[in-house]
């Protein structure tokens, strides 16, 4: 869950009241197994590449090494980070017993392999469906009426009908998101509120620099902010281009502002509290009009190290304006 599509899914879940991503315990175990295998394969590739570089240059950097326990820790940390959108669902004794009975009866989703695991997943789905509407995302053919079908197997359909619950089936995340509609994961109302918070935060960040040049920051004249989804569904990344009116305190009633400040900034935003974190001024440019004689533009372009606040991050390209 660290790629663009996963970010879209997590934010879509967060925007649906009461929704959460259910991770059955049996699936978590399989995820852990695949991550361990993926980590080992990646380290083997790194070692091979390091050996080739050593042959060329006579030396190479040591390859980082991770144990299986490191993978377990990383998985647990990621699950904890997603606590607002994800729940690990433990299987019950009844789930295990019913799954065994499904295997013995050759009921779907049993196929040639992984029969018991898939049956446990289905029993978990049925249990969750008694309290929630369930959207099951799987490409496992055992759940479907046929290989080319997107419909639930008739036997499984009969089971959910008997329980009078609602379970919808999707072969991939894209199909699920499409069924939920094309609404952006971040509402325009939230974006407008973020714009206001960013404008205020940046104004406070540049006031000392403006004061050094004899100006006071007054109004935000323009604010173009792009909102980016991140790995954490509780946080957004933003990139803003803003324009401020600067005034000379001695001529505060002047018809034209004596200077305009244009600023490029990035920041992170907590969705619940709308707190601005890791604000970083990437560029500050002041256009000042000389006070005497013919109107001339004096360009003042500078970014001081003190203007950088926090750490600038590179968010995902998936975004909504």
C-alpha atoms as a PDB file:
ATOM      1  CA  UNK A   1       0.000   0.000   0.000  1.00  0.00           C
ATOM      2  CA  UNK A   2       2.712   2.450  -1.000  1.00  0.00           C
ATOM      3  CA  UNK A   3       1.843   3.256  -4.604  1.00  0.00           C
ATOM      4  CA  UNK A   4      -0.474   5.716  -6.351  1.00  0.00           C
ATOM      5  CA  UNK A   5      -3.446   3.364  -6.703  1.00  0.00           C
ATOM      6  CA  UNK A   6      -3.183   2.363  -3.050  1.00  0.00           C
ATOM      7  CA  UNK A   7      -3.183   6.029  -2.057  1.00  0.00           C
ATOM      8  CA  UNK A   8      -6.357   6.584  -4.078  1.00  0.00           C
ATOM      9  CA  UNK A   9      -7.988   3.571  -2.404  1.00  0.00           C
ATOM     10  CA  UNK A  10      -7.033   4.643   1.115  1.00  0.00           C
ATOM     11  CA  UNK A  11      -8.305   8.193   0.617  1.00  0.00           C
ATOM     12  CA  UNK A  12     -11.512   6.908  -0.996  1.00  0.00           C
ATOM     13  CA  UNK A  13     -12.117   4.651   2.000  1.00  0.00           C
ATOM     14  CA  UNK A  14     -11.417   7.506   4.378  1.00  0.00           C
ATOM     15  CA  UNK A  15     -13.928   9.732   2.591  1.00  0.00           C
ATOM     16  CA  UNK A  16     -16.717   7.138   2.989  1.00  0.00           C
ATOM     17  CA  UNK A  17     -18.234   7.417   6.451  1.00  0.00           C
ATOM     18  CA  UNK A  18     -17.698   4.276   8.518  1.00  0.00           C
ATOM     19  CA  UNK A  19     -15.696   2.498   5.806  1.00  0.00           C
ATOM     20  CA  UNK A  20     -12.476   0.631   6.512  1.00  0.00           C
ATOM     21  CA  UNK A  21     -10.075  -1.714   4.751  1.00  0.00           C
ATOM     22  CA  UNK A  22     -10.426  -5.192   6.275  1.00  0.00           C
ATOM     23  CA  UNK A  23      -7.301  -7.363   6.275  1.00  0.00           C
ATOM     24  CA  UNK A  24      -8.124 -10.941   7.319  1.00  0.00           C
ATOM     25  CA  UNK A  25      -5.467 -12.482   9.564  1.00  0.00           C
ATOM     26  CA  UNK A  26      -4.910 -15.281   7.062  1.00  0.00           C
ATOM     27  CA  UNK A  27      -4.226 -12.714   4.313  1.00  0.00           C
ATOM     28  CA  UNK A  28      -1.868 -10.789   6.579  1.00  0.00           C
ATOM     29  CA  UNK A  29       0.156 -13.989   6.999  1.00  0.00           C
ATOM     30  CA  UNK A  30       0.322 -14.429   3.240  1.00  0.00           C
ATOM     31  CA  UNK A  31       1.350 -10.791   2.773  1.00  0.00           C
ATOM     32  CA  UNK A  32       4.121 -11.288   5.300  1.00  0.00           C
ATOM     33  CA  UNK A  33       5.346 -14.386   3.430  1.00  0.00           C
ATOM     34  CA  UNK A  34       5.414 -12.568   0.081  1.00  0.00           C
ATOM     35  CA  UNK A  35       7.194  -9.544   1.586  1.00  0.00           C
ATOM     36  CA  UNK A  36       9.907 -11.771   3.059  1.00  0.00           C
ATOM     37  CA  UNK A  37      10.418 -13.429  -0.326  1.00  0.00           C
ATOM     38  CA  UNK A  38      10.448 -10.035  -2.059  1.00  0.00           C
ATOM     39  CA  UNK A  39      13.000  -8.655   0.406  1.00  0.00           C
ATOM     40  CA  UNK A  40      15.305 -11.650  -0.030  1.00  0.00           C
ATOM     41  CA  UNK A  41      15.112 -11.425  -3.825  1.00  0.00           C
ATOM     42  CA  UNK A  42      15.821  -7.670  -3.762  1.00  0.00           C
ATOM     43  CA  UNK A  43      18.884  -8.179  -1.546  1.00  0.00           C
ATOM     44  CA  UNK A  44      20.165 -10.904  -3.863  1.00  0.00           C
ATOM     45  CA  UNK A  45      19.845  -8.528  -6.822  1.00  0.00           C
ATOM     46  CA  UNK A  46      21.670  -5.827  -4.892  1.00  0.00           C
ATOM     47  CA  UNK A  47      24.504  -8.211  -4.044  1.00  0.00           C
ATOM     48  CA  UNK A  48      24.809  -9.222  -7.688  1.00  0.00           C
ATOM     49  CA  UNK A  49      24.883  -5.600  -8.842  1.00  0.00           C
ATOM     50  CA  UNK A  50      27.420  -4.712  -6.147  1.00  0.00           C
ATOM     51  CA  UNK A  51      29.666  -7.534  -7.347  1.00  0.00           C
ATOM     52  CA  UNK A  52      29.551  -6.210 -10.911  1.00  0.00           C
ATOM     53  CA  UNK A  53      30.429  -2.685  -9.740  1.00  0.00           C
ATOM     54  CA  UNK A  54      33.308  -4.065  -7.702  1.00  0.00           C
ATOM     55  CA  UNK A  55      34.664  -5.763 -10.832  1.00  0.00           C
ATOM     56  CA  UNK A  56      34.526  -2.461 -12.725  1.00  0.00           C
ATOM     57  CA  UNK A  57      35.787  -0.024 -10.094  1.00  0.00           C
ATOM     58  CA  UNK A  58      37.650  -2.280  -7.700  1.00  0.00           C
ATOM     59  CA  UNK A  59      35.368  -1.306  -4.852  1.00  0.00           C
ATOM     60  CA  UNK A  60      31.652  -0.973  -4.103  1.00  0.00           C
ATOM     61  CA  UNK A  61      29.424   0.052  -1.230  1.00  0.00           C
ATOM     62  CA  UNK A  62      28.271  -2.590   1.208  1.00  0.00           C
ATOM     63  CA  UNK A  63      24.779  -3.863   0.479  1.00  0.00           C
ATOM     64  CA  UNK A  64      22.252  -3.219   3.235  1.00  0.00           C
ATOM     65  CA  UNK A  65      21.069  -6.377   4.891  1.00  0.00           C
ATOM     66  CA  UNK A  66      17.618  -7.079   6.380  1.00  0.00           C
ATOM     67  CA  UNK A  67      16.444 -10.077   8.361  1.00  0.00           C
ATOM     68  CA  UNK A  68      12.982 -11.616   8.229  1.00  0.00           C
ATOM     69  CA  UNK A  69      12.280  -9.983  11.590  1.00  0.00           C
ATOM     70  CA  UNK A  70      12.871  -6.574   9.971  1.00  0.00           C
ATOM     71  CA  UNK A  71      10.115  -7.316   7.472  1.00  0.00           C
ATOM     72  CA  UNK A  72       7.747  -8.256  10.313  1.00  0.00           C
ATOM     73  CA  UNK A  73       8.516  -4.988  12.065  1.00  0.00           C
ATOM     74  CA  UNK A  74       8.041  -2.932   8.894  1.00  0.00           C
ATOM     75  CA  UNK A  75       4.693  -4.614   8.225  1.00  0.00           C
ATOM     76  CA  UNK A  76       3.454  -3.979  11.757  1.00  0.00           C
ATOM     77  CA  UNK A  77       4.571  -0.332  11.572  1.00  0.00           C
ATOM     78  CA  UNK A  78       2.746   0.179   8.296  1.00  0.00           C
ATOM     79  CA  UNK A  79      -0.451  -1.376   9.674  1.00  0.00           C
ATOM     80  CA  UNK A  80      -0.206   0.898  12.723  1.00  0.00           C
ATOM     81  CA  UNK A  81       0.283   3.919  10.439  1.00  0.00           C
ATOM     82  CA  UNK A  82      -2.930   3.027   8.594  1.00  0.00           C
ATOM     83  CA  UNK A  83      -4.981   2.517  11.738  1.00  0.00           C
ATOM     84  CA  UNK A  84      -7.556   5.112  10.684  1.00  0.00           C
ATOM     85  CA  UNK A  85      -8.366   3.182   7.485  1.00  0.00           C
ATOM     86  CA  UNK A  86      -7.347  -0.449   8.068  1.00  0.00           C
ATOM     87  CA  UNK A  87      -8.380  -3.172  10.483  1.00  0.00           C
ATOM     88  CA  UNK A  88      -6.788  -6.592  10.854  1.00  0.00           C
ATOM     89  CA  UNK A  89      -9.683  -9.051  11.200  1.00  0.00           C
ATOM     90  CA  UNK A  90      -8.881 -12.151  13.201  1.00  0.00           C
ATOM     91  CA  UNK A  91     -10.678 -15.355  12.256  1.00  0.00           C
ATOM     92  CA  UNK A  92     -12.979 -17.002  14.768  1.00  0.00           C
ATOM     93  CA  UNK A  93     -13.231 -20.681  15.666  1.00  0.00           C
ATOM     94  CA  UNK A  94     -16.553 -20.733  13.810  1.00  0.00           C
ATOM     95  CA  UNK A  95     -14.824 -19.352  10.696  1.00  0.00           C
ATOM     96  CA  UNK A  96     -12.252 -22.149  10.790  1.00  0.00           C
ATOM     97  CA  UNK A  97     -14.860 -24.868  11.316  1.00  0.00           C
ATOM     98  CA  UNK A  98     -17.127 -23.574   8.534  1.00  0.00           C
ATOM     99  CA  UNK A  99     -14.146 -23.237   6.201  1.00  0.00           C
ATOM    100  CA  UNK A 100     -13.183 -26.874   6.825  1.00  0.00           C
ATOM    101  CA  UNK A 101     -16.746 -27.964   6.069  1.00  0.00           C
ATOM    102  CA  UNK A 102     -16.657 -25.997   2.777  1.00  0.00           C
ATOM    103  CA  UNK A 103     -13.449 -27.785   1.761  1.00  0.00           C
ATOM    104  CA  UNK A 104     -14.920 -31.204   2.537  1.00  0.00           C
ATOM    105  CA  UNK A 105     -18.083 -30.341   0.585  1.00  0.00           C
ATOM    106  CA  UNK A 106     -16.019 -29.038  -2.388  1.00  0.00           C
ATOM    107  CA  UNK A 107     -17.941 -25.774  -2.216  1.00  0.00           C
ATOM    108  CA  UNK A 108     -16.458 -22.674  -3.858  1.00  0.00           C
ATOM    109  CA  UNK A 109     -14.176 -20.795  -3.624  1.00  0.00           C
ATOM    110  CA  UNK A 110     -12.205 -24.067  -3.386  1.00  0.00           C
ATOM    111  CA  UNK A 111      -9.904 -24.825  -6.262  1.00  0.00           C
ATOM    112  CA  UNK A 112      -6.898 -27.077  -6.745  1.00  0.00           C
ATOM    113  CA  UNK A 113      -4.786 -25.096  -4.265  1.00  0.00           C
ATOM    114  CA  UNK A 114      -5.234 -22.730  -1.325  1.00  0.00           C
ATOM    115  CA  UNK A 115      -8.685 -24.206  -0.689  1.00  0.00           C
ATOM    116  CA  UNK A 116      -8.741 -23.752   3.052  1.00  0.00           C
ATOM    117  CA  UNK A 117      -7.313 -20.228   2.977  1.00  0.00           C
ATOM    118  CA  UNK A 118      -9.952 -19.019   0.510  1.00  0.00           C
ATOM    119  CA  UNK A 119     -12.711 -20.639   2.542  1.00  0.00           C
ATOM    120  CA  UNK A 120     -11.486 -18.893   5.692  1.00  0.00           C
ATOM    121  CA  UNK A 121     -11.511 -15.574   3.792  1.00  0.00           C
ATOM    122  CA  UNK A 122     -15.102 -16.191   2.659  1.00  0.00           C
ATOM    123  CA  UNK A 123     -16.260 -17.048   6.163  1.00  0.00           C
ATOM    124  CA  UNK A 124     -14.642 -13.848   7.403  1.00  0.00           C
ATOM    125  CA  UNK A 125     -16.489 -11.931   4.670  1.00  0.00           C
ATOM    126  CA  UNK A 126     -19.820 -13.431   5.722  1.00  0.00           C
ATOM    127  CA  UNK A 127     -19.205 -12.538   9.353  1.00  0.00           C
ATOM    128  CA  UNK A 128     -18.277  -8.938   8.488  1.00  0.00           C
ATOM    129  CA  UNK A 129     -21.265  -8.654   6.150  1.00  0.00           C
ATOM    130  CA  UNK A 130     -23.657  -9.170   9.056  1.00  0.00           C
ATOM    131  CA  UNK A 131     -22.629  -5.719  10.337  1.00  0.00           C
ATOM    132  CA  UNK A 132     -21.217  -3.977   7.245  1.00  0.00           C
ATOM    133  CA  UNK A 133     -21.674  -3.748   3.501  1.00  0.00           C
ATOM    134  CA  UNK A 134     -18.683  -5.682   2.130  1.00  0.00           C
ATOM    135  CA  UNK A 135     -16.743  -5.006  -1.061  1.00  0.00           C
ATOM    136  CA  UNK A 136     -14.510  -8.019  -1.783  1.00  0.00           C
ATOM    137  CA  UNK A 137     -11.568  -7.382  -4.104  1.00  0.00           C
ATOM    138  CA  UNK A 138     -10.043 -10.577  -5.464  1.00  0.00           C
ATOM    139  CA  UNK A 139      -9.011 -12.033  -8.804  1.00  0.00           C
ATOM    140  CA  UNK A 140      -9.228 -15.577  -7.449  1.00  0.00           C
ATOM    141  CA  UNK A 141     -11.385 -17.483  -9.935  1.00  0.00           C
ATOM    142  CA  UNK A 142     -12.932 -19.664  -7.235  1.00  0.00           C
ATOM    143  CA  UNK A 143     -15.119 -16.789  -6.082  1.00  0.00           C
ATOM    144  CA  UNK A 144     -16.593 -16.153  -9.549  1.00  0.00           C
ATOM    145  CA  UNK A 145     -19.329 -17.825 -11.555  1.00  0.00           C
ATOM    146  CA  UNK A 146     -16.816 -18.413 -14.371  1.00  0.00           C
ATOM    147  CA  UNK A 147     -13.363 -17.297 -15.514  1.00  0.00           C
ATOM    148  CA  UNK A 148     -14.803 -14.506 -17.668  1.00  0.00           C
ATOM    149  CA  UNK A 149     -17.550 -13.492 -15.260  1.00  0.00           C
ATOM    150  CA  UNK A 150     -17.578 -10.659 -12.762  1.00  0.00           C
ATOM    151  CA  UNK A 151     -20.504 -12.237 -10.888  1.00  0.00           C
ATOM    152  CA  UNK A 152     -20.229 -14.109  -7.614  1.00  0.00           C
ATOM    153  CA  UNK A 153     -20.437 -17.908  -7.794  1.00  0.00           C
ATOM    154  CA  UNK A 154     -24.103 -19.040  -7.509  1.00  0.00           C
ATOM    155  CA  UNK A 155     -23.430 -21.128  -4.390  1.00  0.00           C
ATOM    156  CA  UNK A 156     -21.851 -18.115  -2.664  1.00  0.00           C
ATOM    157  CA  UNK A 157     -24.698 -15.916  -3.873  1.00  0.00           C
ATOM    158  CA  UNK A 158     -27.174 -18.302  -2.238  1.00  0.00           C
ATOM    159  CA  UNK A 159     -25.242 -18.038   1.034  1.00  0.00           C
ATOM    160  CA  UNK A 160     -25.382 -14.252   1.189  1.00  0.00           C
ATOM    161  CA  UNK A 161     -29.047 -14.304   0.153  1.00  0.00           C
ATOM    162  CA  UNK A 162     -29.843 -16.695   2.992  1.00  0.00           C
ATOM    163  CA  UNK A 163     -28.122 -14.366   5.460  1.00  0.00           C
ATOM    164  CA  UNK A 164     -29.761 -11.308   3.859  1.00  0.00           C
ATOM    165  CA  UNK A 165     -26.445  -9.458   3.660  1.00  0.00           C
ATOM    166  CA  UNK A 166     -24.759  -7.479   0.904  1.00  0.00           C
ATOM    167  CA  UNK A 167     -21.433  -8.505  -0.638  1.00  0.00           C
ATOM    168  CA  UNK A 168     -20.104  -6.984  -3.881  1.00  0.00           C
ATOM    169  CA  UNK A 169     -17.260  -8.589  -5.825  1.00  0.00           C
ATOM    170  CA  UNK A 170     -14.492  -6.827  -7.788  1.00  0.00           C
ATOM    171  CA  UNK A 171     -11.520  -8.259  -9.647  1.00  0.00           C
ATOM    172  CA  UNK A 172      -9.255  -5.262  -8.939  1.00  0.00           C
ATOM    173  CA  UNK A 173      -9.033  -1.949  -7.108  1.00  0.00           C
ATOM    174  CA  UNK A 174      -9.705   0.047 -10.286  1.00  0.00           C
ATOM    175  CA  UNK A 175     -13.088  -1.637 -10.695  1.00  0.00           C
ATOM    176  CA  UNK A 176     -13.960  -0.910  -7.067  1.00  0.00           C
ATOM    177  CA  UNK A 177     -13.037   2.769  -7.325  1.00  0.00           C
ATOM    178  CA  UNK A 178     -14.970   3.099 -10.590  1.00  0.00           C
ATOM    179  CA  UNK A 179     -18.079   1.684  -8.901  1.00  0.00           C
ATOM    180  CA  UNK A 180     -17.781   4.353  -6.222  1.00  0.00           C
ATOM    181  CA  UNK A 181     -17.917   7.103  -8.838  1.00  0.00           C
ATOM    182  CA  UNK A 182     -15.506   9.702 -10.134  1.00  0.00           C
ATOM    183  CA  UNK A 183     -15.660  12.095  -7.214  1.00  0.00           C
ATOM    184  CA  UNK A 184     -12.176  13.308  -6.217  1.00  0.00           C
ATOM    185  CA  UNK A 185     -10.874  11.793  -2.977  1.00  0.00           C
ATOM    186  CA  UNK A 186     -10.445  15.304  -1.556  1.00  0.00           C
ATOM    187  CA  UNK A 187     -13.484  17.590  -1.577  1.00  0.00           C
ATOM    188  CA  UNK A 188     -13.368  21.108  -2.959  1.00  0.00           C
ATOM    189  CA  UNK A 189     -14.532  22.392   0.414  1.00  0.00           C
ATOM    190  CA  UNK A 190     -11.485  20.826   2.068  1.00  0.00           C
ATOM    191  CA  UNK A 191      -9.180  22.191  -0.644  1.00  0.00           C
ATOM    192  CA  UNK A 192     -10.570  25.719  -0.109  1.00  0.00           C
ATOM    193  CA  UNK A 193      -9.934  25.422   3.637  1.00  0.00           C
ATOM    194  CA  UNK A 194      -6.395  24.187   2.973  1.00  0.00           C
ATOM    195  CA  UNK A 195      -5.823  27.148   0.641  1.00  0.00           C
ATOM    196  CA  UNK A 196      -6.738  29.562   3.440  1.00  0.00           C
ATOM    197  CA  UNK A 197      -4.516  27.785   5.973  1.00  0.00           C
ATOM    198  CA  UNK A 198      -1.576  27.714   3.561  1.00  0.00           C
ATOM    199  CA  UNK A 199      -1.981  31.391   2.698  1.00  0.00           C
ATOM    200  CA  UNK A 200      -1.929  32.310   6.392  1.00  0.00           C
ATOM    201  CA  UNK A 201       1.049  30.065   7.179  1.00  0.00           C
ATOM    202  CA  UNK A 202       3.125  31.366   4.264  1.00  0.00           C
ATOM    203  CA  UNK A 203       2.281  34.988   5.116  1.00  0.00           C
ATOM    204  CA  UNK A 204       3.636  34.416   8.618  1.00  0.00           C
ATOM    205  CA  UNK A 205       6.720  32.703   7.197  1.00  0.00           C
ATOM    206  CA  UNK A 206       7.668  35.579   4.875  1.00  0.00           C
ATOM    207  CA  UNK A 207       6.849  38.542   7.137  1.00  0.00           C
ATOM    208  CA  UNK A 208      10.392  38.788   8.513  1.00  0.00           C
ATOM    209  CA  UNK A 209      11.909  38.735   5.030  1.00  0.00           C
ATOM    210  CA  UNK A 210       9.460  41.420   3.888  1.00  0.00           C
ATOM    211  CA  UNK A 211      10.179  43.489   7.004  1.00  0.00           C
ATOM    212  CA  UNK A 212      13.912  43.399   6.219  1.00  0.00           C
ATOM    213  CA  UNK A 213      13.072  45.200   2.957  1.00  0.00           C
ATOM    214  CA  UNK A 214      10.785  47.713   4.664  1.00  0.00           C
ATOM    215  CA  UNK A 215       7.465  46.078   3.788  1.00  0.00           C
ATOM    216  CA  UNK A 216       4.501  44.601   5.617  1.00  0.00           C
ATOM    217  CA  UNK A 217       2.569  41.622   4.237  1.00  0.00           C
ATOM    218  CA  UNK A 218      -1.076  42.503   3.714  1.00  0.00           C
ATOM    219  CA  UNK A 219      -3.439  40.556   1.421  1.00  0.00           C
ATOM    220  CA  UNK A 220      -3.027  37.313  -0.481  1.00  0.00           C
ATOM    221  CA  UNK A 221      -3.866  38.263  -4.067  1.00  0.00           C
ATOM    222  CA  UNK A 222      -3.619  34.822  -5.661  1.00  0.00           C
ATOM    223  CA  UNK A 223      -3.315  31.261  -4.397  1.00  0.00           C
ATOM    224  CA  UNK A 224      -2.859  28.268  -6.688  1.00  0.00           C
ATOM    225  CA  UNK A 225      -2.541  25.105  -4.605  1.00  0.00           C
ATOM    226  CA  UNK A 226      -2.227  21.531  -5.832  1.00  0.00           C
ATOM    227  CA  UNK A 227      -3.183  18.803  -3.377  1.00  0.00           C
ATOM    228  CA  UNK A 228      -1.339  15.474  -3.503  1.00  0.00           C
ATOM    229  CA  UNK A 229      -2.314  12.156  -2.003  1.00  0.00           C
ATOM    230  CA  UNK A 230       0.311  10.489   0.164  1.00  0.00           C
ATOM    231  CA  UNK A 231       1.013   7.062   1.644  1.00  0.00           C
ATOM    232  CA  UNK A 232      -0.740   8.176   4.828  1.00  0.00           C
ATOM    233  CA  UNK A 233      -4.508   8.681   4.390  1.00  0.00           C
ATOM    234  CA  UNK A 234      -4.494  11.127   7.321  1.00  0.00           C
ATOM    235  CA  UNK A 235      -2.074  13.520   5.614  1.00  0.00           C
ATOM    236  CA  UNK A 236      -1.964  15.428   2.342  1.00  0.00           C
ATOM    237  CA  UNK A 237       0.980  17.057   0.623  1.00  0.00           C
ATOM    238  CA  UNK A 238       0.450  20.441  -1.020  1.00  0.00           C
ATOM    239  CA  UNK A 239       2.387  22.591  -3.448  1.00  0.00           C
ATOM    240  CA  UNK A 240       1.371  26.260  -3.623  1.00  0.00           C
ATOM    241  CA  UNK A 241       2.154  29.290  -5.743  1.00  0.00           C
ATOM    242  CA  UNK A 242       1.003  32.436  -3.951  1.00  0.00           C
ATOM    243  CA  UNK A 243       1.073  36.181  -4.539  1.00  0.00           C
ATOM    244  CA  UNK A 244       0.920  38.751  -1.739  1.00  0.00           C
ATOM    245  CA  UNK A 245       0.436  42.484  -1.619  1.00  0.00           C
ATOM    246  CA  UNK A 246       3.220  44.184   0.348  1.00  0.00           C
ATOM    247  CA  UNK A 247       2.777  47.700   1.690  1.00  0.00           C
ATOM    248  CA  UNK A 248       5.136  50.380   2.944  1.00  0.00           C
ATOM    249  CA  UNK A 249       3.966  51.306   6.485  1.00  0.00           C
ATOM    250  CA  UNK A 250       4.679  54.991   5.727  1.00  0.00           C
ATOM    251  CA  UNK A 251       2.425  54.931   2.646  1.00  0.00           C
ATOM    252  CA  UNK A 252      -0.256  52.425   3.676  1.00  0.00           C
ATOM    253  CA  UNK A 253      -2.952  54.320   1.753  1.00  0.00           C
ATOM    254  CA  UNK A 254      -1.080  54.286  -1.559  1.00  0.00           C
ATOM    255  CA  UNK A 255      -3.270  53.501  -4.562  1.00  0.00           C
ATOM    256  CA  UNK A 256      -0.871  50.880  -5.864  1.00  0.00           C
ATOM    257  CA  UNK A 257       0.999  48.488  -3.575  1.00  0.00           C
ATOM    258  CA  UNK A 258       4.720  49.314  -3.542  1.00  0.00           C
ATOM    259  CA  UNK A 259       5.664  45.640  -3.861  1.00  0.00           C
ATOM    260  CA  UNK A 260       4.328  42.216  -4.777  1.00  0.00           C
ATOM    261  CA  UNK A 261       5.734  39.009  -3.305  1.00  0.00           C
ATOM    262  CA  UNK A 262       5.417  35.734  -5.211  1.00  0.00           C
ATOM    263  CA  UNK A 263       6.099  32.592  -3.233  1.00  0.00           C
ATOM    264  CA  UNK A 264       6.378  28.895  -4.040  1.00  0.00           C
ATOM    265  CA  UNK A 265       5.908  26.637  -1.036  1.00  0.00           C
ATOM    266  CA  UNK A 266       5.312  23.021  -0.101  1.00  0.00           C
ATOM    267  CA  UNK A 267       3.801  21.592   3.061  1.00  0.00           C
ATOM    268  CA  UNK A 268       2.068  18.632   4.659  1.00  0.00           C
ATOM    269  CA  UNK A 269      -1.467  18.934   6.023  1.00  0.00           C
ATOM    270  CA  UNK A 270      -3.170  16.877   8.721  1.00  0.00           C
ATOM    271  CA  UNK A 271      -6.669  16.213   7.361  1.00  0.00           C
ATOM    272  CA  UNK A 272      -8.469  16.085  10.714  1.00  0.00           C
ATOM    273  CA  UNK A 273      -6.979  19.177  12.334  1.00  0.00           C
ATOM    274  CA  UNK A 274      -5.815  20.933   9.135  1.00  0.00           C
ATOM    275  CA  UNK A 275      -2.499  21.631  10.834  1.00  0.00           C
ATOM    276  CA  UNK A 276       0.268  22.755   8.471  1.00  0.00           C
ATOM    277  CA  UNK A 277       3.483  20.761   8.929  1.00  0.00           C
ATOM    278  CA  UNK A 278       6.869  20.734   7.198  1.00  0.00           C
ATOM    279  CA  UNK A 279       6.267  24.105   5.544  1.00  0.00           C
ATOM    280  CA  UNK A 280       9.093  24.879   3.150  1.00  0.00           C
ATOM    281  CA  UNK A 281       9.520  28.053   1.082  1.00  0.00           C
ATOM    282  CA  UNK A 282      11.013  26.970  -2.217  1.00  0.00           C
ATOM    283  CA  UNK A 283      11.147  30.478  -3.725  1.00  0.00           C
ATOM    284  CA  UNK A 284      10.494  34.059  -2.615  1.00  0.00           C
ATOM    285  CA  UNK A 285      10.497  36.835  -5.239  1.00  0.00           C
ATOM    286  CA  UNK A 286       9.643  40.482  -4.489  1.00  0.00           C
ATOM    287  CA  UNK A 287       8.850  42.993  -7.244  1.00  0.00           C
ATOM    288  CA  UNK A 288       9.210  46.488  -5.779  1.00  0.00           C
ATOM    289  CA  UNK A 289       8.242  49.803  -7.439  1.00  0.00           C
ATOM    290  CA  UNK A 290      10.687  52.648  -6.798  1.00  0.00           C
ATOM    291  CA  UNK A 291       8.948  55.444  -4.816  1.00  0.00           C
ATOM    292  CA  UNK A 292      10.407  58.425  -6.711  1.00  0.00           C
ATOM    293  CA  UNK A 293      10.575  59.549 -10.330  1.00  0.00           C
ATOM    294  CA  UNK A 294       9.464  57.332 -13.207  1.00  0.00           C
ATOM    295  CA  UNK A 295       7.954  54.000 -12.275  1.00  0.00           C
ATOM    296  CA  UNK A 296      10.594  51.318 -12.411  1.00  0.00           C
ATOM    297  CA  UNK A 297      10.590  47.738 -11.269  1.00  0.00           C
ATOM    298  CA  UNK A 298      13.351  46.693  -8.887  1.00  0.00           C
ATOM    299  CA  UNK A 299      13.571  42.911  -8.733  1.00  0.00           C
ATOM    300  CA  UNK A 300      14.597  41.404  -5.412  1.00  0.00           C
ATOM    301  CA  UNK A 301      15.049  37.666  -5.687  1.00  0.00           C
ATOM    302  CA  UNK A 302      16.333  35.702  -2.734  1.00  0.00           C
ATOM    303  CA  UNK A 303      15.749  32.655  -0.610  1.00  0.00           C
ATOM    304  CA  UNK A 304      17.541  32.554   2.701  1.00  0.00           C
ATOM    305  CA  UNK A 305      18.283  29.350   4.533  1.00  0.00           C
ATOM    306  CA  UNK A 306      16.187  30.638   7.434  1.00  0.00           C
ATOM    307  CA  UNK A 307      13.181  30.732   5.104  1.00  0.00           C
ATOM    308  CA  UNK A 308      13.228  26.951   4.823  1.00  0.00           C
ATOM    309  CA  UNK A 309      11.125  25.331   7.492  1.00  0.00           C
ATOM    310  CA  UNK A 310      11.058  21.580   7.872  1.00  0.00           C
ATOM    311  CA  UNK A 311      11.911  19.031   5.210  1.00  0.00           C
ATOM    312  CA  UNK A 312      10.630  19.263   1.664  1.00  0.00           C
ATOM    313  CA  UNK A 313       9.115  15.983   0.503  1.00  0.00           C
ATOM    314  CA  UNK A 314       8.282  14.657  -2.943  1.00  0.00           C
ATOM    315  CA  UNK A 315       4.621  13.569  -2.983  1.00  0.00           C
ATOM    316  CA  UNK A 316       2.887  11.215  -5.375  1.00  0.00           C
ATOM    317  CA  UNK A 317       1.967  12.467  -8.833  1.00  0.00           C
ATOM    318  CA  UNK A 318      -1.644  11.409  -8.300  1.00  0.00           C
ATOM    319  CA  UNK A 319      -3.459  14.608  -7.416  1.00  0.00           C
ATOM    320  CA  UNK A 320      -6.624  16.611  -7.496  1.00  0.00           C
ATOM    321  CA  UNK A 321      -6.971  20.337  -7.933  1.00  0.00           C
END
